[in-house]
C-alpha atoms as a PDB file:
ATOM      1  CA  UNK A   1       0.000   0.000   0.000  1.00  0.00           C
ATOM      2  CA  UNK A   2       1.303   3.429  -0.974  1.00  0.00           C
ATOM      3  CA  UNK A   3      -1.054   5.449   1.222  1.00  0.00           C
ATOM      4  CA  UNK A   4      -4.476   5.342   2.843  1.00  0.00           C
ATOM      5  CA  UNK A   5      -7.110   7.973   3.533  1.00  0.00           C
ATOM      6  CA  UNK A   6      -9.448   7.903   6.532  1.00  0.00           C
ATOM      7  CA  UNK A   7     -12.307  10.151   7.621  1.00  0.00           C
ATOM      8  CA  UNK A   8     -11.757  12.877   5.009  1.00  0.00           C
ATOM      9  CA  UNK A   9     -14.550  15.462   5.083  1.00  0.00           C
ATOM     10  CA  UNK A  10     -15.073  18.839   3.442  1.00  0.00           C
ATOM     11  CA  UNK A  11     -17.940  21.329   3.586  1.00  0.00           C
ATOM     12  CA  UNK A  12     -18.651  24.514   1.666  1.00  0.00           C
ATOM     13  CA  UNK A  13     -21.062  26.272   3.987  1.00  0.00           C
ATOM     14  CA  UNK A  14     -24.128  24.031   4.211  1.00  0.00           C
ATOM     15  CA  UNK A  15     -22.998  21.896   1.269  1.00  0.00           C
ATOM     16  CA  UNK A  16     -21.280  18.627   2.180  1.00  0.00           C
ATOM     17  CA  UNK A  17     -18.723  18.005  -0.569  1.00  0.00           C
ATOM     18  CA  UNK A  18     -17.004  15.030   1.103  1.00  0.00           C
ATOM     19  CA  UNK A  19     -18.281  12.979   4.022  1.00  0.00           C
ATOM     20  CA  UNK A  20     -16.012  10.609   5.965  1.00  0.00           C
ATOM     21  CA  UNK A  21     -14.184   9.438   2.845  1.00  0.00           C
ATOM     22  CA  UNK A  22     -11.809   6.511   3.228  1.00  0.00           C
ATOM     23  CA  UNK A  23      -9.897   4.227   0.836  1.00  0.00           C
ATOM     24  CA  UNK A  24      -6.393   2.960   0.132  1.00  0.00           C
ATOM     25  CA  UNK A  25      -4.037   3.345  -2.818  1.00  0.00           C
ATOM     26  CA  UNK A  26      -1.539   0.720  -3.924  1.00  0.00           C
ATOM     27  CA  UNK A  27       1.872   1.258  -5.476  1.00  0.00           C
ATOM     28  CA  UNK A  28       2.002   0.797  -9.242  1.00  0.00           C
ATOM     29  CA  UNK A  29      -1.725   0.618  -9.895  1.00  0.00           C
ATOM     30  CA  UNK A  30      -4.175   2.320 -12.237  1.00  0.00           C
ATOM     31  CA  UNK A  31      -6.878   3.368  -9.805  1.00  0.00           C
ATOM     32  CA  UNK A  32     -10.082   4.955 -11.054  1.00  0.00           C
ATOM     33  CA  UNK A  33     -12.031   7.486  -8.991  1.00  0.00           C
ATOM     34  CA  UNK A  34     -15.439   7.330 -10.605  1.00  0.00           C
ATOM     35  CA  UNK A  35     -18.701   9.116 -10.050  1.00  0.00           C
ATOM     36  CA  UNK A  36     -21.025  11.598 -11.746  1.00  0.00           C
ATOM     37  CA  UNK A  37     -20.337  15.310 -12.035  1.00  0.00           C
ATOM     38  CA  UNK A  38     -20.784  16.877  -8.620  1.00  0.00           C
ATOM     39  CA  UNK A  39     -19.825  13.702  -6.747  1.00  0.00           C
ATOM     40  CA  UNK A  40     -16.833  15.438  -5.138  1.00  0.00           C
ATOM     41  CA  UNK A  41     -14.032  13.963  -7.243  1.00  0.00           C
ATOM     42  CA  UNK A  42     -12.152  17.202  -7.914  1.00  0.00           C
ATOM     43  CA  UNK A  43     -12.625  18.343  -4.318  1.00  0.00           C
ATOM     44  CA  UNK A  44     -11.172  15.041  -3.109  1.00  0.00           C
ATOM     45  CA  UNK A  45      -8.095  15.435  -5.296  1.00  0.00           C
ATOM     46  CA  UNK A  46      -7.630  19.041  -4.177  1.00  0.00           C
ATOM     47  CA  UNK A  47      -7.803  18.013  -0.523  1.00  0.00           C
ATOM     48  CA  UNK A  48      -5.405  15.108  -1.031  1.00  0.00           C
ATOM     49  CA  UNK A  49      -2.904  17.312  -2.831  1.00  0.00           C
ATOM     50  CA  UNK A  50      -3.134  20.061  -0.226  1.00  0.00           C
ATOM     51  CA  UNK A  51      -4.542  22.565  -2.707  1.00  0.00           C
ATOM     52  CA  UNK A  52      -7.655  22.932  -0.547  1.00  0.00           C
ATOM     53  CA  UNK A  53      -7.857  22.296   3.208  1.00  0.00           C
ATOM     54  CA  UNK A  54     -10.060  19.481   4.438  1.00  0.00           C
ATOM     55  CA  UNK A  55     -12.220  19.888   7.534  1.00  0.00           C
ATOM     56  CA  UNK A  56     -11.146  16.538   8.963  1.00  0.00           C
ATOM     57  CA  UNK A  57      -9.421  13.325   8.016  1.00  0.00           C
ATOM     58  CA  UNK A  58      -5.921  11.956   7.681  1.00  0.00           C
ATOM     59  CA  UNK A  59      -3.688  10.622   4.916  1.00  0.00           C
ATOM     60  CA  UNK A  60      -1.170   8.003   6.068  1.00  0.00           C
ATOM     61  CA  UNK A  61       1.858   6.591   4.277  1.00  0.00           C
ATOM     62  CA  UNK A  62       3.913   3.886   5.936  1.00  0.00           C
ATOM     63  CA  UNK A  63       1.526   4.074   8.876  1.00  0.00           C
ATOM     64  CA  UNK A  64       2.374   7.725   9.563  1.00  0.00           C
ATOM     65  CA  UNK A  65       0.197  10.789   8.950  1.00  0.00           C
ATOM     66  CA  UNK A  66       1.343  12.965   6.056  1.00  0.00           C
ATOM     67  CA  UNK A  67       0.485  16.644   6.424  1.00  0.00           C
ATOM     68  CA  UNK A  68      -0.603  18.830   3.524  1.00  0.00           C
ATOM     69  CA  UNK A  69       2.819  20.483   3.170  1.00  0.00           C
ATOM     70  CA  UNK A  70       4.663  17.167   3.122  1.00  0.00           C
ATOM     71  CA  UNK A  71       2.488  15.637   0.403  1.00  0.00           C
ATOM     72  CA  UNK A  72       4.424  17.388  -2.359  1.00  0.00           C
ATOM     73  CA  UNK A  73       6.969  14.558  -2.168  1.00  0.00           C
ATOM     74  CA  UNK A  74       4.247  11.888  -2.387  1.00  0.00           C
ATOM     75  CA  UNK A  75       1.622  13.295  -4.771  1.00  0.00           C
ATOM     76  CA  UNK A  76       1.478  15.409  -7.898  1.00  0.00           C
ATOM     77  CA  UNK A  77      -1.939  16.708  -8.967  1.00  0.00           C
ATOM     78  CA  UNK A  78      -2.894  17.492 -12.576  1.00  0.00           C
ATOM     79  CA  UNK A  79      -6.190  19.446 -12.606  1.00  0.00           C
ATOM     80  CA  UNK A  80      -8.511  19.583 -15.594  1.00  0.00           C
ATOM     81  CA  UNK A  81      -9.042  22.575 -17.869  1.00  0.00           C
ATOM     82  CA  UNK A  82      -5.979  24.697 -17.132  1.00  0.00           C
ATOM     83  CA  UNK A  83      -3.393  26.178 -19.509  1.00  0.00           C
ATOM     84  CA  UNK A  84      -0.155  26.607 -17.540  1.00  0.00           C
ATOM     85  CA  UNK A  85       2.366  29.145 -18.855  1.00  0.00           C
ATOM     86  CA  UNK A  86       0.181  30.095 -21.856  1.00  0.00           C
ATOM     87  CA  UNK A  87       2.813  32.406 -23.371  1.00  0.00           C
ATOM     88  CA  UNK A  88       5.535  29.744 -23.327  1.00  0.00           C
ATOM     89  CA  UNK A  89       6.155  27.011 -25.920  1.00  0.00           C
ATOM     90  CA  UNK A  90       5.430  23.396 -25.066  1.00  0.00           C
ATOM     91  CA  UNK A  91       9.166  22.622 -25.091  1.00  0.00           C
ATOM     92  CA  UNK A  92       9.724  25.214 -22.361  1.00  0.00           C
ATOM     93  CA  UNK A  93       6.888  23.787 -20.229  1.00  0.00           C
ATOM     94  CA  UNK A  94       8.374  20.292 -20.348  1.00  0.00           C
ATOM     95  CA  UNK A  95      11.898  21.513 -19.621  1.00  0.00           C
ATOM     96  CA  UNK A  96      10.631  23.678 -16.755  1.00  0.00           C
ATOM     97  CA  UNK A  97       8.922  20.614 -15.266  1.00  0.00           C
ATOM     98  CA  UNK A  98      12.189  18.710 -15.411  1.00  0.00           C
ATOM     99  CA  UNK A  99      14.293  21.558 -14.065  1.00  0.00           C
ATOM    100  CA  UNK A 100      12.254  23.507 -11.529  1.00  0.00           C
ATOM    101  CA  UNK A 101       9.905  20.686 -10.464  1.00  0.00           C
ATOM    102  CA  UNK A 102      12.733  18.126 -10.402  1.00  0.00           C
ATOM    103  CA  UNK A 103      11.127  15.962 -13.053  1.00  0.00           C
ATOM    104  CA  UNK A 104      12.715  12.947 -14.714  1.00  0.00           C
ATOM    105  CA  UNK A 105      14.861  14.048 -17.651  1.00  0.00           C
ATOM    106  CA  UNK A 106      15.407  10.408 -18.631  1.00  0.00           C
ATOM    107  CA  UNK A 107      11.741  10.129 -19.605  1.00  0.00           C
ATOM    108  CA  UNK A 108      11.550  13.313 -21.683  1.00  0.00           C
ATOM    109  CA  UNK A 109      11.834  11.812 -25.176  1.00  0.00           C
ATOM    110  CA  UNK A 110       9.739   8.790 -24.253  1.00  0.00           C
ATOM    111  CA  UNK A 111       6.873  10.923 -22.953  1.00  0.00           C
ATOM    112  CA  UNK A 112       7.027  13.214 -25.988  1.00  0.00           C
ATOM    113  CA  UNK A 113       6.686  10.154 -28.235  1.00  0.00           C
ATOM    114  CA  UNK A 114       3.967   8.501 -26.149  1.00  0.00           C
ATOM    115  CA  UNK A 115       1.791  11.615 -26.235  1.00  0.00           C
ATOM    116  CA  UNK A 116       2.719  12.619 -29.799  1.00  0.00           C
ATOM    117  CA  UNK A 117       3.972  16.043 -28.736  1.00  0.00           C
ATOM    118  CA  UNK A 118       6.799  16.365 -31.253  1.00  0.00           C
ATOM    119  CA  UNK A 119       4.829  18.559 -33.696  1.00  0.00           C
ATOM    120  CA  UNK A 120       3.688  20.809 -30.820  1.00  0.00           C
ATOM    121  CA  UNK A 121       7.007  21.579 -29.132  1.00  0.00           C
ATOM    122  CA  UNK A 122       7.375  25.018 -30.706  1.00  0.00           C
ATOM    123  CA  UNK A 123       3.746  26.083 -30.188  1.00  0.00           C
ATOM    124  CA  UNK A 124       2.807  28.210 -27.201  1.00  0.00           C
ATOM    125  CA  UNK A 125       0.581  26.512 -24.659  1.00  0.00           C
ATOM    126  CA  UNK A 126      -2.094  29.201 -24.952  1.00  0.00           C
ATOM    127  CA  UNK A 127      -2.635  28.516 -28.668  1.00  0.00           C
ATOM    128  CA  UNK A 128      -3.261  24.784 -28.283  1.00  0.00           C
ATOM    129  CA  UNK A 129      -6.628  23.112 -28.779  1.00  0.00           C
ATOM    130  CA  UNK A 130      -8.344  21.461 -25.821  1.00  0.00           C
ATOM    131  CA  UNK A 131      -7.076  18.012 -26.736  1.00  0.00           C
ATOM    132  CA  UNK A 132      -3.534  19.238 -27.402  1.00  0.00           C
ATOM    133  CA  UNK A 133      -3.447  21.100 -24.105  1.00  0.00           C
ATOM    134  CA  UNK A 134      -4.649  17.965 -22.305  1.00  0.00           C
ATOM    135  CA  UNK A 135      -1.771  15.966 -23.766  1.00  0.00           C
ATOM    136  CA  UNK A 136       0.716  18.602 -22.590  1.00  0.00           C
ATOM    137  CA  UNK A 137      -0.774  18.529 -19.082  1.00  0.00           C
ATOM    138  CA  UNK A 138      -0.491  14.751 -19.014  1.00  0.00           C
ATOM    139  CA  UNK A 139       3.130  14.966 -20.177  1.00  0.00           C
ATOM    140  CA  UNK A 140       3.921  17.395 -17.374  1.00  0.00           C
ATOM    141  CA  UNK A 141       2.416  14.963 -14.889  1.00  0.00           C
ATOM    142  CA  UNK A 142       4.226  11.935 -16.284  1.00  0.00           C
ATOM    143  CA  UNK A 143       7.564  13.750 -16.125  1.00  0.00           C
ATOM    144  CA  UNK A 144       7.237  14.530 -12.407  1.00  0.00           C
ATOM    145  CA  UNK A 145       8.932  12.270  -9.881  1.00  0.00           C
ATOM    146  CA  UNK A 146       6.337  11.782  -7.137  1.00  0.00           C
ATOM    147  CA  UNK A 147       5.244   8.152  -6.556  1.00  0.00           C
ATOM    148  CA  UNK A 148       1.548   8.994  -7.069  1.00  0.00           C
ATOM    149  CA  UNK A 149       0.072  11.026  -9.905  1.00  0.00           C
ATOM    150  CA  UNK A 150      -3.489  12.336  -9.472  1.00  0.00           C
ATOM    151  CA  UNK A 151      -5.125  13.309 -12.772  1.00  0.00           C
ATOM    152  CA  UNK A 152      -8.541  14.939 -13.063  1.00  0.00           C
ATOM    153  CA  UNK A 153     -10.406  13.774 -16.210  1.00  0.00           C
ATOM    154  CA  UNK A 154      -7.370  12.456 -18.142  1.00  0.00           C
ATOM    155  CA  UNK A 155      -9.359  11.573 -21.274  1.00  0.00           C
ATOM    156  CA  UNK A 156     -11.433  14.757 -21.552  1.00  0.00           C
ATOM    157  CA  UNK A 157     -11.060  16.324 -25.015  1.00  0.00           C
ATOM    158  CA  UNK A 158      -9.291  13.303 -26.531  1.00  0.00           C
ATOM    159  CA  UNK A 159     -10.504  11.137 -29.398  1.00  0.00           C
ATOM    160  CA  UNK A 160     -10.670   7.357 -29.085  1.00  0.00           C
ATOM    161  CA  UNK A 161      -7.251   6.709 -30.633  1.00  0.00           C
ATOM    162  CA  UNK A 162      -5.561   9.320 -28.432  1.00  0.00           C
ATOM    163  CA  UNK A 163      -7.273   7.922 -25.331  1.00  0.00           C
ATOM    164  CA  UNK A 164      -6.055   4.420 -26.161  1.00  0.00           C
ATOM    165  CA  UNK A 165      -2.488   5.609 -26.734  1.00  0.00           C
ATOM    166  CA  UNK A 166      -2.467   7.541 -23.470  1.00  0.00           C
ATOM    167  CA  UNK A 167      -3.933   4.589 -21.570  1.00  0.00           C
ATOM    168  CA  UNK A 168      -1.074   2.470 -22.958  1.00  0.00           C
ATOM    169  CA  UNK A 169       1.389   5.094 -21.719  1.00  0.00           C
ATOM    170  CA  UNK A 170      -0.242   5.029 -18.279  1.00  0.00           C
ATOM    171  CA  UNK A 171       0.119   1.246 -18.144  1.00  0.00           C
ATOM    172  CA  UNK A 172       3.795   1.482 -19.057  1.00  0.00           C
ATOM    173  CA  UNK A 173       4.461   3.969 -16.256  1.00  0.00           C
ATOM    174  CA  UNK A 174       2.421   1.925 -13.752  1.00  0.00           C
ATOM    175  CA  UNK A 175       4.434  -1.172 -14.672  1.00  0.00           C
ATOM    176  CA  UNK A 176       7.516   0.677 -13.395  1.00  0.00           C
ATOM    177  CA  UNK A 177       5.851   1.279 -10.034  1.00  0.00           C
ATOM    178  CA  UNK A 178       4.181   4.666 -10.594  1.00  0.00           C
ATOM    179  CA  UNK A 179       0.654   4.961  -9.194  1.00  0.00           C
ATOM    180  CA  UNK A 180      -1.874   6.719 -11.408  1.00  0.00           C
ATOM    181  CA  UNK A 181      -5.073   7.771  -9.664  1.00  0.00           C
ATOM    182  CA  UNK A 182      -7.515   8.909 -12.349  1.00  0.00           C
ATOM    183  CA  UNK A 183     -10.721  10.862 -11.762  1.00  0.00           C
ATOM    184  CA  UNK A 184     -13.201   9.836 -14.479  1.00  0.00           C
ATOM    185  CA  UNK A 185     -16.918  10.612 -14.770  1.00  0.00           C
ATOM    186  CA  UNK A 186     -17.462   8.372 -17.817  1.00  0.00           C
ATOM    187  CA  UNK A 187     -17.761   4.938 -16.243  1.00  0.00           C
ATOM    188  CA  UNK A 188     -17.211   3.195 -19.579  1.00  0.00           C
ATOM    189  CA  UNK A 189     -13.788   4.854 -19.916  1.00  0.00           C
ATOM    190  CA  UNK A 190     -12.879   3.869 -16.371  1.00  0.00           C
ATOM    191  CA  UNK A 191     -13.845   0.252 -16.998  1.00  0.00           C
ATOM    192  CA  UNK A 192     -11.603   0.084 -20.082  1.00  0.00           C
ATOM    193  CA  UNK A 193      -8.547   1.719 -18.617  1.00  0.00           C
ATOM    194  CA  UNK A 194      -8.396   1.113 -14.839  1.00  0.00           C
ATOM    195  CA  UNK A 195      -7.673  -1.969 -12.742  1.00  0.00           C
ATOM    196  CA  UNK A 196      -9.346  -1.022  -9.474  1.00  0.00           C
ATOM    197  CA  UNK A 197     -11.894   1.612  -8.498  1.00  0.00           C
ATOM    198  CA  UNK A 198     -13.090   3.955  -5.781  1.00  0.00           C
ATOM    199  CA  UNK A 199     -16.792   4.709  -6.290  1.00  0.00           C
ATOM    200  CA  UNK A 200     -17.844   8.174  -5.127  1.00  0.00           C
ATOM    201  CA  UNK A 201     -21.445   9.372  -4.956  1.00  0.00           C
ATOM    202  CA  UNK A 202     -22.659  12.593  -3.296  1.00  0.00           C
ATOM    203  CA  UNK A 203     -19.340  12.952  -1.490  1.00  0.00           C
ATOM    204  CA  UNK A 204     -19.321   9.451  -0.025  1.00  0.00           C
ATOM    205  CA  UNK A 205     -17.369   6.326  -0.937  1.00  0.00           C
ATOM    206  CA  UNK A 206     -19.885   3.614  -1.778  1.00  0.00           C
ATOM    207  CA  UNK A 207     -17.404   0.953  -2.836  1.00  0.00           C
ATOM    208  CA  UNK A 208     -13.742   0.164  -3.446  1.00  0.00           C
ATOM    209  CA  UNK A 209     -12.112  -2.684  -5.341  1.00  0.00           C
ATOM    210  CA  UNK A 210     -11.944  -4.509  -8.651  1.00  0.00           C
ATOM    211  CA  UNK A 211     -15.108  -5.083 -10.672  1.00  0.00           C
ATOM    212  CA  UNK A 212     -15.562  -8.624  -9.266  1.00  0.00           C
ATOM    213  CA  UNK A 213     -15.011  -7.340  -5.726  1.00  0.00           C
ATOM    214  CA  UNK A 214     -17.515  -4.527  -6.236  1.00  0.00           C
ATOM    215  CA  UNK A 215     -20.024  -6.916  -7.800  1.00  0.00           C
ATOM    216  CA  UNK A 216     -19.726  -9.162  -4.738  1.00  0.00           C
ATOM    217  CA  UNK A 217     -20.296  -6.131  -2.524  1.00  0.00           C
ATOM    218  CA  UNK A 218     -23.459  -5.386  -4.502  1.00  0.00           C
ATOM    219  CA  UNK A 219     -24.562  -9.054  -4.360  1.00  0.00           C
ATOM    220  CA  UNK A 220     -24.548  -9.114  -8.151  1.00  0.00           C
ATOM    221  CA  UNK A 221     -23.174 -11.475 -10.789  1.00  0.00           C
ATOM    222  CA  UNK A 222     -22.667  -8.732 -13.366  1.00  0.00           C
ATOM    223  CA  UNK A 223     -19.290  -7.764 -14.777  1.00  0.00           C
ATOM    224  CA  UNK A 224     -20.636  -4.394 -15.928  1.00  0.00           C
ATOM    225  CA  UNK A 225     -19.130  -1.548 -13.900  1.00  0.00           C
ATOM    226  CA  UNK A 226     -22.042   0.772 -14.690  1.00  0.00           C
ATOM    227  CA  UNK A 227     -24.545  -1.736 -13.315  1.00  0.00           C
ATOM    228  CA  UNK A 228     -22.408  -2.286 -10.228  1.00  0.00           C
ATOM    229  CA  UNK A 229     -22.140   1.469  -9.638  1.00  0.00           C
ATOM    230  CA  UNK A 230     -25.903   1.900  -9.902  1.00  0.00           C
ATOM    231  CA  UNK A 231     -26.479  -1.012  -7.518  1.00  0.00           C
ATOM    232  CA  UNK A 232     -24.202   0.505  -4.893  1.00  0.00           C
ATOM    233  CA  UNK A 233     -25.445   4.099  -5.073  1.00  0.00           C
END
């Protein structure tokens, strides 16, 4: 186990965004955080990464609590829908990740090839299309050195071929021991690309495990993740 989360809660006024959330994350796995829009997925990632404070709860690694400031060595969070350094070329963004964020220079050419970024290296980030910008964000994440990479909506804006290629890249990085924790609202995408799942509904975890484990929890014989999710929520 890489880390575990217990009792994580977050409110925005009267709105309960997360309620007593708990689960564990394994080293070198593709873990899907799935749930509909508004389930609390982005809020959970922000709290885990220390971007937003939680009201309660603890993250433990090696049996010890890890405070928000210390998580920068454990987690790297890639949010959805941002355009970092819009005036800079893609090449600069990747090199900055390696230099300033202490990313892995040895993976630079591999990641560029995996995400087909070669033709984009000279373009500024702010001029990229949604799908191109997503690929750059994913490259930045893959080049970082933290053991766990949290990615919000990794397949948003990508076509089917691009999504398949990126899923293959994720598997290659996970095979080396990197944990990829992916927030996905399209359950069909999660079922194709992830190995294990945390099901989140209305800010609460309603299941954790592989599809067979979740089906057993739901007292169902189905192998359909969508049906299992509906049975547990």
